[in-house]
Amino acid sequence: DTGFVASPAYKDGWLFVGDYDGVLHALQASDGRQKWQFATGLEIDASPNFYQQQVLVTSQDGALYALQRATGELAWKYETGDQLQCGATLAGDRTFLGGCDAQLHVIDVNNGQAVGQPLPLDAPTGSTPSVLGNRVFVPTYAGEIFCFELPTLELKWRFKKPQLADEFKNSVALGQGLAVAASRNKTVFALDIQTGEVVWQQKLRKRSDASPVIAGQDVWIAAADGRILRFDLKTGQQTWMFEAKPAFMGSPAVADGKLVVASDRGTILCFGRK
């Protein structure tokens, strides 16, 4: 028996989920029947991603694996040399990995080869990079956010304000010209995507390790104190709050007019019209 720390990923009727033992399982969504499984070297901490007919999965063994989605056969493997806690982010035929080696790796998904030299981040990161348009955003454990331009990989700006952020354990949410981040020092804030300047900030009662979620004009935050909060994306004003007893470590999901969030005690809450 084993457990799961990462969310499953769905594609064409199949679920792909990695476990604590480092095994990626391909399961039929309708009945849970296993199609195949593939063993990596260590724990899988992030959800898989997809490129054409391949599934991409990272492992704590420091490698990114590209597997044939139909069979689980290994297509290629890229090794970083240190732990990977983030998932693989895609932009065209490039994938981006931020690792515990304090570097951002850029890989050609067609062949698994590095594109240039890894970009220095000056601190480890376990956050999955975020991409919007021609920008990629990477938070780090040092409380910084790096913004690189695509395809040149030029550093556009670097956010560092210790009074707002001391460590990131999550990813940045992007929308309407803003990058929204939640730091472990109990602060959620929005940055201008073009400049990295702070547009608004709000203090939380307790930290949020879950990534923020943007849906329309709303920013959703699931916090470690069991509160779910909604902020106005433009102004940062809090517009709604629900308090539950369990803590939330995973991000909310928004679909079909409903908000779904799972607690660390195995409770799933759904908000919206019946």
C-alpha atoms as a PDB file:
ATOM      1  CA  ASP A   1       0.000   0.000   0.000  1.00  0.00           C
ATOM      2  CA  THR A   2       1.100   3.544  -0.697  1.00  0.00           C
ATOM      3  CA  GLY A   3      -0.231   7.097  -0.707  1.00  0.00           C
ATOM      4  CA  PHE A   4      -0.513   9.965  -3.137  1.00  0.00           C
ATOM      5  CA  VAL A   5       0.664  13.550  -2.705  1.00  0.00           C
ATOM      6  CA  ALA A   6       0.021  14.902  -6.220  1.00  0.00           C
ATOM      7  CA  SER A   7      -3.277  15.423  -8.011  1.00  0.00           C
ATOM      8  CA  PRO A   8      -4.174  13.026 -10.841  1.00  0.00           C
ATOM      9  CA  ALA A   9      -4.080  14.270 -14.429  1.00  0.00           C
ATOM     10  CA  TYR A  10      -6.836  13.335 -16.897  1.00  0.00           C
ATOM     11  CA  LYS A  11      -6.460  12.686 -20.610  1.00  0.00           C
ATOM     12  CA  ASP A  12      -8.801  10.943 -23.076  1.00  0.00           C
ATOM     13  CA  GLY A  13     -10.611   8.799 -20.518  1.00  0.00           C
ATOM     14  CA  TRP A  14      -7.544   7.907 -18.472  1.00  0.00           C
ATOM     15  CA  LEU A  15      -6.161   9.119 -15.140  1.00  0.00           C
ATOM     16  CA  PHE A  16      -2.427   9.365 -14.537  1.00  0.00           C
ATOM     17  CA  VAL A  17      -1.271   9.622 -10.921  1.00  0.00           C
ATOM     18  CA  GLY A  18       2.087   9.218  -9.179  1.00  0.00           C
ATOM     19  CA  ASP A  19       2.539   7.798  -5.681  1.00  0.00           C
ATOM     20  CA  TYR A  20       4.896   8.004  -2.695  1.00  0.00           C
ATOM     21  CA  ASP A  21       6.810   4.976  -3.970  1.00  0.00           C
ATOM     22  CA  GLY A  22       7.638   6.732  -7.232  1.00  0.00           C
ATOM     23  CA  VAL A  23       5.253   4.731  -9.399  1.00  0.00           C
ATOM     24  CA  LEU A  24       3.136   6.391 -12.082  1.00  0.00           C
ATOM     25  CA  HIS A  25      -0.195   4.630 -12.594  1.00  0.00           C
ATOM     26  CA  ALA A  26      -2.364   4.848 -15.721  1.00  0.00           C
ATOM     27  CA  LEU A  27      -5.968   4.089 -14.725  1.00  0.00           C
ATOM     28  CA  GLN A  28      -9.181   3.994 -16.713  1.00  0.00           C
ATOM     29  CA  ALA A  29     -11.276   6.858 -15.342  1.00  0.00           C
ATOM     30  CA  SER A  30     -14.593   5.029 -15.615  1.00  0.00           C
ATOM     31  CA  ASP A  31     -13.754   2.023 -13.439  1.00  0.00           C
ATOM     32  CA  GLY A  32     -10.213   2.438 -12.076  1.00  0.00           C
ATOM     33  CA  ARG A  33      -8.797  -0.435 -14.118  1.00  0.00           C
ATOM     34  CA  GLN A  34      -5.021  -0.180 -14.408  1.00  0.00           C
ATOM     35  CA  LYS A  35      -3.628   0.099 -17.916  1.00  0.00           C
ATOM     36  CA  TRP A  36       0.058   0.223 -17.016  1.00  0.00           C
ATOM     37  CA  GLN A  37       2.476   1.458 -14.371  1.00  0.00           C
ATOM     38  CA  PHE A  38       6.000   2.852 -14.510  1.00  0.00           C
ATOM     39  CA  ALA A  39       8.473   3.005 -11.625  1.00  0.00           C
ATOM     40  CA  THR A  40      10.727   6.038 -11.181  1.00  0.00           C
ATOM     41  CA  GLY A  41      13.508   6.152  -8.614  1.00  0.00           C
ATOM     42  CA  LEU A  42      11.777   8.081  -5.816  1.00  0.00           C
ATOM     43  CA  GLU A  43       8.548   9.779  -4.697  1.00  0.00           C
ATOM     44  CA  ILE A  44       6.415  11.623  -7.268  1.00  0.00           C
ATOM     45  CA  ASP A  45       5.351  14.996  -5.847  1.00  0.00           C
ATOM     46  CA  ALA A  46       3.702  16.692  -8.844  1.00  0.00           C
ATOM     47  CA  SER A  47       0.949  16.029 -11.339  1.00  0.00           C
ATOM     48  CA  PRO A  48       1.928  14.711 -14.779  1.00  0.00           C
ATOM     49  CA  ASN A  49       1.601  16.784 -17.937  1.00  0.00           C
ATOM     50  CA  PHE A  50       1.009  15.830 -21.569  1.00  0.00           C
ATOM     51  CA  TYR A  51       2.729  16.501 -24.873  1.00  0.00           C
ATOM     52  CA  GLN A  52       1.284  14.938 -28.024  1.00  0.00           C
ATOM     53  CA  GLN A  53       1.154  11.185 -27.270  1.00  0.00           C
ATOM     54  CA  GLN A  54       3.457  11.351 -24.271  1.00  0.00           C
ATOM     55  CA  VAL A  55       2.955  11.839 -20.546  1.00  0.00           C
ATOM     56  CA  LEU A  56       5.617  13.812 -18.671  1.00  0.00           C
ATOM     57  CA  VAL A  57       6.287  13.092 -15.007  1.00  0.00           C
ATOM     58  CA  THR A  58       8.947  14.306 -12.569  1.00  0.00           C
ATOM     59  CA  SER A  59      10.404  12.426  -9.624  1.00  0.00           C
ATOM     60  CA  GLN A  60      12.339  13.138  -6.445  1.00  0.00           C
ATOM     61  CA  ASP A  61      15.129  11.131  -8.085  1.00  0.00           C
ATOM     62  CA  GLY A  62      15.853  14.323 -10.050  1.00  0.00           C
ATOM     63  CA  ALA A  63      14.634  13.151 -13.437  1.00  0.00           C
ATOM     64  CA  LEU A  64      11.907  14.086 -15.891  1.00  0.00           C
ATOM     65  CA  TYR A  65      10.461  11.050 -17.658  1.00  0.00           C
ATOM     66  CA  ALA A  66       8.661  11.130 -21.011  1.00  0.00           C
ATOM     67  CA  LEU A  67       6.506   8.024 -21.398  1.00  0.00           C
ATOM     68  CA  GLN A  68       4.346   6.799 -24.251  1.00  0.00           C
ATOM     69  CA  ARG A  69       0.836   7.475 -23.022  1.00  0.00           C
ATOM     70  CA  ALA A  70      -0.625   4.302 -24.532  1.00  0.00           C
ATOM     71  CA  THR A  71       1.935   1.829 -23.191  1.00  0.00           C
ATOM     72  CA  GLY A  72       4.047   3.462 -20.476  1.00  0.00           C
ATOM     73  CA  GLU A  73       7.198   2.831 -22.511  1.00  0.00           C
ATOM     74  CA  LEU A  74      10.056   5.246 -21.796  1.00  0.00           C
ATOM     75  CA  ALA A  75      10.654   7.672 -24.679  1.00  0.00           C
ATOM     76  CA  TRP A  76      13.423   9.685 -23.000  1.00  0.00           C
ATOM     77  CA  LYS A  77      14.724  10.762 -19.608  1.00  0.00           C
ATOM     78  CA  TYR A  78      16.252  14.098 -18.560  1.00  0.00           C
ATOM     79  CA  GLU A  79      18.311  14.212 -15.348  1.00  0.00           C
ATOM     80  CA  THR A  80      18.874  17.386 -13.315  1.00  0.00           C
ATOM     81  CA  GLY A  81      21.141  15.959 -10.623  1.00  0.00           C
ATOM     82  CA  ASP A  82      18.936  17.006  -7.677  1.00  0.00           C
ATOM     83  CA  GLN A  83      15.393  16.510  -6.398  1.00  0.00           C
ATOM     84  CA  LEU A  84      12.394  17.582  -8.461  1.00  0.00           C
ATOM     85  CA  GLN A  85       9.261  18.493  -6.524  1.00  0.00           C
ATOM     86  CA  CYS A  86       7.659  20.529  -9.304  1.00  0.00           C
ATOM     87  CA  GLY A  87       5.782  19.423 -12.389  1.00  0.00           C
ATOM     88  CA  ALA A  88       6.800  19.986 -15.998  1.00  0.00           C
ATOM     89  CA  THR A  89       5.360  23.187 -17.512  1.00  0.00           C
ATOM     90  CA  LEU A  90       4.875  23.312 -21.283  1.00  0.00           C
ATOM     91  CA  ALA A  91       5.137  26.215 -23.722  1.00  0.00           C
ATOM     92  CA  GLY A  92       5.118  25.000 -27.308  1.00  0.00           C
ATOM     93  CA  ASP A  93       7.702  22.239 -27.619  1.00  0.00           C
ATOM     94  CA  ARG A  94       9.640  23.401 -24.569  1.00  0.00           C
ATOM     95  CA  THR A  95       9.189  22.268 -20.994  1.00  0.00           C
ATOM     96  CA  PHE A  96      10.414  24.097 -17.895  1.00  0.00           C
ATOM     97  CA  LEU A  97      11.624  22.546 -14.637  1.00  0.00           C
ATOM     98  CA  GLY A  98      12.604  24.352 -11.457  1.00  0.00           C
ATOM     99  CA  GLY A  99      14.633  22.120  -9.187  1.00  0.00           C
ATOM    100  CA  CYS A 100      16.342  21.789  -5.843  1.00  0.00           C
ATOM    101  CA  ASP A 101      19.581  22.472  -7.736  1.00  0.00           C
ATOM    102  CA  ALA A 102      18.511  26.163  -7.792  1.00  0.00           C
ATOM    103  CA  GLN A 103      18.219  26.242 -11.575  1.00  0.00           C
ATOM    104  CA  LEU A 104      15.505  26.526 -14.205  1.00  0.00           C
ATOM    105  CA  HIS A 105      15.949  23.810 -16.818  1.00  0.00           C
ATOM    106  CA  VAL A 106      14.591  24.248 -20.339  1.00  0.00           C
ATOM    107  CA  ILE A 107      14.144  21.027 -22.313  1.00  0.00           C
ATOM    108  CA  ASP A 108      13.137  20.269 -25.898  1.00  0.00           C
ATOM    109  CA  VAL A 109      10.187  17.902 -25.457  1.00  0.00           C
ATOM    110  CA  ASN A 110      10.775  16.300 -28.849  1.00  0.00           C
ATOM    111  CA  ASN A 111      14.070  14.718 -27.822  1.00  0.00           C
ATOM    112  CA  GLY A 112      14.641  15.361 -24.104  1.00  0.00           C
ATOM    113  CA  GLN A 113      17.708  17.517 -24.735  1.00  0.00           C
ATOM    114  CA  ALA A 114      18.546  20.679 -22.794  1.00  0.00           C
ATOM    115  CA  VAL A 115      17.996  24.001 -24.536  1.00  0.00           C
ATOM    116  CA  GLY A 116      21.066  26.009 -23.594  1.00  0.00           C
ATOM    117  CA  GLN A 117      22.427  26.100 -20.068  1.00  0.00           C
ATOM    118  CA  PRO A 118      20.104  25.996 -17.022  1.00  0.00           C
ATOM    119  CA  LEU A 119      19.165  29.444 -15.724  1.00  0.00           C
ATOM    120  CA  PRO A 120      20.368  30.332 -12.191  1.00  0.00           C
ATOM    121  CA  LEU A 121      17.706  30.946  -9.526  1.00  0.00           C
ATOM    122  CA  ASP A 122      20.110  31.378  -6.578  1.00  0.00           C
ATOM    123  CA  ALA A 123      17.911  29.172  -4.372  1.00  0.00           C
ATOM    124  CA  PRO A 124      16.101  25.832  -4.621  1.00  0.00           C
ATOM    125  CA  THR A 125      12.499  25.705  -5.771  1.00  0.00           C
ATOM    126  CA  GLY A 126       9.757  23.118  -5.552  1.00  0.00           C
ATOM    127  CA  SER A 127       7.241  25.264  -7.427  1.00  0.00           C
ATOM    128  CA  THR A 128       5.944  24.334 -10.850  1.00  0.00           C
ATOM    129  CA  PRO A 129       6.766  27.222 -13.223  1.00  0.00           C
ATOM    130  CA  SER A 130       3.844  29.241 -14.644  1.00  0.00           C
ATOM    131  CA  VAL A 131       3.635  30.465 -18.245  1.00  0.00           C
ATOM    132  CA  LEU A 132       1.473  33.206 -19.732  1.00  0.00           C
ATOM    133  CA  GLY A 133       2.112  34.445 -23.254  1.00  0.00           C
ATOM    134  CA  ASN A 134       5.844  34.964 -23.651  1.00  0.00           C
ATOM    135  CA  ARG A 135       6.685  35.004 -19.934  1.00  0.00           C
ATOM    136  CA  VAL A 136       7.617  32.216 -17.512  1.00  0.00           C
ATOM    137  CA  PHE A 137       7.441  32.780 -13.737  1.00  0.00           C
ATOM    138  CA  VAL A 138       9.337  30.803 -11.093  1.00  0.00           C
ATOM    139  CA  PRO A 139       9.094  31.327  -7.285  1.00  0.00           C
ATOM    140  CA  THR A 140      11.857  30.054  -4.985  1.00  0.00           C
ATOM    141  CA  TYR A 141      12.385  28.995  -1.389  1.00  0.00           C
ATOM    142  CA  ALA A 142      14.257  32.274  -0.857  1.00  0.00           C
ATOM    143  CA  GLY A 143      11.039  34.252  -1.328  1.00  0.00           C
ATOM    144  CA  GLU A 144      11.875  35.506  -4.809  1.00  0.00           C
ATOM    145  CA  ILE A 145       9.968  35.368  -8.093  1.00  0.00           C
ATOM    146  CA  PHE A 146      11.863  35.287 -11.390  1.00  0.00           C
ATOM    147  CA  CYS A 147      10.276  36.351 -14.676  1.00  0.00           C
ATOM    148  CA  PHE A 148      11.957  35.237 -17.912  1.00  0.00           C
ATOM    149  CA  GLU A 149      10.976  36.196 -21.448  1.00  0.00           C
ATOM    150  CA  LEU A 150      10.364  33.565 -24.121  1.00  0.00           C
ATOM    151  CA  PRO A 151      11.938  32.422 -26.332  1.00  0.00           C
ATOM    152  CA  THR A 152      15.119  34.372 -25.471  1.00  0.00           C
ATOM    153  CA  LEU A 153      15.084  33.312 -21.776  1.00  0.00           C
ATOM    154  CA  GLU A 154      16.174  36.818 -20.854  1.00  0.00           C
ATOM    155  CA  LEU A 155      15.522  37.790 -17.222  1.00  0.00           C
ATOM    156  CA  LYS A 156      12.851  40.523 -17.344  1.00  0.00           C
ATOM    157  CA  TRP A 157      12.505  41.154 -13.616  1.00  0.00           C
ATOM    158  CA  ARG A 158      13.220  39.651 -10.228  1.00  0.00           C
ATOM    159  CA  PHE A 159      10.906  40.230  -7.279  1.00  0.00           C
ATOM    160  CA  LYS A 160      12.442  40.255  -3.811  1.00  0.00           C
ATOM    161  CA  LYS A 161      10.770  41.968  -0.857  1.00  0.00           C
ATOM    162  CA  PRO A 162      11.390  40.160   2.452  1.00  0.00           C
ATOM    163  CA  GLN A 163       8.504  41.998   4.135  1.00  0.00           C
ATOM    164  CA  LEU A 164       6.074  40.342   1.693  1.00  0.00           C
ATOM    165  CA  ALA A 165       7.660  36.991   0.920  1.00  0.00           C
ATOM    166  CA  ASP A 166      10.096  34.740   2.745  1.00  0.00           C
ATOM    167  CA  GLU A 167       9.450  31.372   1.065  1.00  0.00           C
ATOM    168  CA  PHE A 168       7.238  29.964  -1.679  1.00  0.00           C
ATOM    169  CA  LYS A 169       5.941  26.386  -1.607  1.00  0.00           C
ATOM    170  CA  ASN A 170       3.500  26.904  -4.460  1.00  0.00           C
ATOM    171  CA  SER A 171       3.092  28.323  -7.944  1.00  0.00           C
ATOM    172  CA  VAL A 172       2.100  31.750  -9.221  1.00  0.00           C
ATOM    173  CA  ALA A 173      -1.413  32.278 -10.648  1.00  0.00           C
ATOM    174  CA  LEU A 174      -1.612  34.444 -13.769  1.00  0.00           C
ATOM    175  CA  GLY A 175      -4.449  36.481 -15.234  1.00  0.00           C
ATOM    176  CA  GLN A 176      -5.453  39.919 -16.511  1.00  0.00           C
ATOM    177  CA  GLY A 177      -1.937  41.291 -16.365  1.00  0.00           C
ATOM    178  CA  LEU A 178      -1.291  40.158 -12.790  1.00  0.00           C
ATOM    179  CA  ALA A 179       0.819  37.481 -11.133  1.00  0.00           C
ATOM    180  CA  VAL A 180      -0.743  36.435  -7.812  1.00  0.00           C
ATOM    181  CA  ALA A 181       1.456  34.745  -5.214  1.00  0.00           C
ATOM    182  CA  ALA A 182       0.994  33.433  -1.666  1.00  0.00           C
ATOM    183  CA  SER A 183       4.062  33.373   0.570  1.00  0.00           C
ATOM    184  CA  ARG A 184       4.670  31.324   3.694  1.00  0.00           C
ATOM    185  CA  ASN A 185       4.863  34.547   5.714  1.00  0.00           C
ATOM    186  CA  LYS A 186       1.044  34.757   5.507  1.00  0.00           C
ATOM    187  CA  THR A 187       0.854  37.296   2.686  1.00  0.00           C
ATOM    188  CA  VAL A 188      -0.945  37.097  -0.649  1.00  0.00           C
ATOM    189  CA  PHE A 189      -0.109  39.741  -3.220  1.00  0.00           C
ATOM    190  CA  ALA A 190      -0.430  40.629  -6.889  1.00  0.00           C
ATOM    191  CA  LEU A 191       2.405  41.807  -9.122  1.00  0.00           C
ATOM    192  CA  ASP A 192       2.266  43.592 -12.453  1.00  0.00           C
ATOM    193  CA  ILE A 193       3.320  40.966 -14.991  1.00  0.00           C
ATOM    194  CA  GLN A 194       5.277  43.481 -17.051  1.00  0.00           C
ATOM    195  CA  THR A 195       7.277  45.114 -14.258  1.00  0.00           C
ATOM    196  CA  GLY A 196       7.092  42.928 -11.139  1.00  0.00           C
ATOM    197  CA  GLU A 197       5.802  45.881  -9.096  1.00  0.00           C
ATOM    198  CA  VAL A 198       3.307  45.208  -6.290  1.00  0.00           C
ATOM    199  CA  VAL A 199      -0.278  46.138  -7.260  1.00  0.00           C
ATOM    200  CA  TRP A 200      -1.951  45.011  -4.022  1.00  0.00           C
ATOM    201  CA  GLN A 201      -1.294  42.875  -0.957  1.00  0.00           C
ATOM    202  CA  GLN A 202      -3.338  41.233   1.791  1.00  0.00           C
ATOM    203  CA  LYS A 203      -2.317  39.601   5.051  1.00  0.00           C
ATOM    204  CA  LEU A 204      -3.635  36.114   5.880  1.00  0.00           C
ATOM    205  CA  ARG A 205      -4.256  34.733   9.347  1.00  0.00           C
ATOM    206  CA  LYS A 206      -2.051  31.754   8.543  1.00  0.00           C
ATOM    207  CA  ARG A 207       0.147  30.744   5.621  1.00  0.00           C
ATOM    208  CA  SER A 208      -1.130  29.268   2.370  1.00  0.00           C
ATOM    209  CA  ASP A 209       0.995  26.519   0.815  1.00  0.00           C
ATOM    210  CA  ALA A 210      -1.606  25.909  -1.881  1.00  0.00           C
ATOM    211  CA  SER A 211      -1.246  27.788  -5.150  1.00  0.00           C
ATOM    212  CA  PRO A 212      -3.707  30.650  -5.700  1.00  0.00           C
ATOM    213  CA  VAL A 213      -6.383  30.100  -8.339  1.00  0.00           C
ATOM    214  CA  ILE A 214      -7.747  32.814 -10.635  1.00  0.00           C
ATOM    215  CA  ALA A 215     -11.257  32.419 -12.070  1.00  0.00           C
ATOM    216  CA  GLY A 216     -12.720  35.424 -13.840  1.00  0.00           C
ATOM    217  CA  GLN A 217     -12.439  38.427 -11.507  1.00  0.00           C
ATOM    218  CA  ASP A 218     -11.778  36.278  -8.436  1.00  0.00           C
ATOM    219  CA  VAL A 219      -8.665  35.004  -6.681  1.00  0.00           C
ATOM    220  CA  TRP A 220      -9.210  31.922  -4.498  1.00  0.00           C
ATOM    221  CA  ILE A 221      -6.903  31.061  -1.597  1.00  0.00           C
ATOM    222  CA  ALA A 222      -7.027  27.869   0.501  1.00  0.00           C
ATOM    223  CA  ALA A 223      -5.094  28.437   3.724  1.00  0.00           C
ATOM    224  CA  ALA A 224      -3.486  26.222   6.346  1.00  0.00           C
ATOM    225  CA  ASP A 225      -5.913  27.487   9.020  1.00  0.00           C
ATOM    226  CA  GLY A 226      -8.899  25.934   7.225  1.00  0.00           C
ATOM    227  CA  ARG A 227     -10.133  29.139   5.626  1.00  0.00           C
ATOM    228  CA  ILE A 228     -11.094  29.527   1.977  1.00  0.00           C
ATOM    229  CA  LEU A 229     -10.913  33.143   0.869  1.00  0.00           C
ATOM    230  CA  ARG A 230     -11.964  35.013  -2.241  1.00  0.00           C
ATOM    231  CA  PHE A 231     -10.316  38.291  -3.265  1.00  0.00           C
ATOM    232  CA  ASP A 232     -11.137  40.689  -6.059  1.00  0.00           C
ATOM    233  CA  LEU A 233      -8.407  40.247  -8.665  1.00  0.00           C
ATOM    234  CA  LYS A 234      -8.211  43.933  -9.554  1.00  0.00           C
ATOM    235  CA  THR A 235      -8.304  45.503  -6.085  1.00  0.00           C
ATOM    236  CA  GLY A 236      -7.296  42.723  -3.686  1.00  0.00           C
ATOM    237  CA  GLN A 237     -10.385  43.329  -1.553  1.00  0.00           C
ATOM    238  CA  GLN A 238     -11.666  40.246   0.288  1.00  0.00           C
ATOM    239  CA  THR A 239     -15.171  39.433  -0.972  1.00  0.00           C
ATOM    240  CA  TRP A 240     -15.968  36.085   0.690  1.00  0.00           C
ATOM    241  CA  MET A 241     -14.660  33.655   3.288  1.00  0.00           C
ATOM    242  CA  PHE A 242     -15.558  30.196   4.570  1.00  0.00           C
ATOM    243  CA  GLU A 243     -13.948  28.612   7.612  1.00  0.00           C
ATOM    244  CA  ALA A 244     -13.648  24.861   8.048  1.00  0.00           C
ATOM    245  CA  LYS A 245     -11.851  22.923  10.770  1.00  0.00           C
ATOM    246  CA  PRO A 246      -9.388  21.009   8.569  1.00  0.00           C
ATOM    247  CA  ALA A 247      -6.369  22.640   6.983  1.00  0.00           C
ATOM    248  CA  PHE A 248      -5.994  23.005   3.227  1.00  0.00           C
ATOM    249  CA  MET A 249      -2.694  22.133   1.550  1.00  0.00           C
ATOM    250  CA  GLY A 250      -3.936  21.683  -2.025  1.00  0.00           C
ATOM    251  CA  SER A 251      -5.275  24.293  -4.413  1.00  0.00           C
ATOM    252  CA  PRO A 252      -8.998  24.748  -5.066  1.00  0.00           C
ATOM    253  CA  ALA A 253     -10.449  23.739  -8.421  1.00  0.00           C
ATOM    254  CA  VAL A 254     -13.063  25.834 -10.232  1.00  0.00           C
ATOM    255  CA  ALA A 255     -15.314  24.296 -12.902  1.00  0.00           C
ATOM    256  CA  ASP A 256     -18.939  24.519 -14.051  1.00  0.00           C
ATOM    257  CA  GLY A 257     -19.674  27.343 -11.626  1.00  0.00           C
ATOM    258  CA  LYS A 258     -18.483  25.361  -8.615  1.00  0.00           C
ATOM    259  CA  LEU A 259     -15.492  25.523  -6.280  1.00  0.00           C
ATOM    260  CA  VAL A 260     -14.034  22.221  -5.043  1.00  0.00           C
ATOM    261  CA  VAL A 261     -11.316  21.921  -2.403  1.00  0.00           C
ATOM    262  CA  ALA A 262      -9.918  18.963  -0.440  1.00  0.00           C
ATOM    263  CA  SER A 263      -8.656  19.142   3.152  1.00  0.00           C
ATOM    264  CA  ASP A 264      -5.734  17.379   4.819  1.00  0.00           C
ATOM    265  CA  ARG A 265      -8.251  15.152   6.646  1.00  0.00           C
ATOM    266  CA  GLY A 266      -9.707  13.659   3.493  1.00  0.00           C
ATOM    267  CA  THR A 267     -12.775  15.911   3.319  1.00  0.00           C
ATOM    268  CA  ILE A 268     -13.865  17.293  -0.059  1.00  0.00           C
ATOM    269  CA  LEU A 269     -15.944  20.484  -0.021  1.00  0.00           C
ATOM    270  CA  CYS A 270     -17.946  21.780  -2.978  1.00  0.00           C
ATOM    271  CA  PHE A 271     -19.421  25.299  -3.152  1.00  0.00           C
ATOM    272  CA  GLY A 272     -21.905  26.607  -5.700  1.00  0.00           C
ATOM    273  CA  ARG A 273     -25.467  26.279  -6.811  1.00  0.00           C
ATOM    274  CA  LYS A 274     -27.017  22.825  -6.618  1.00  0.00           C
END
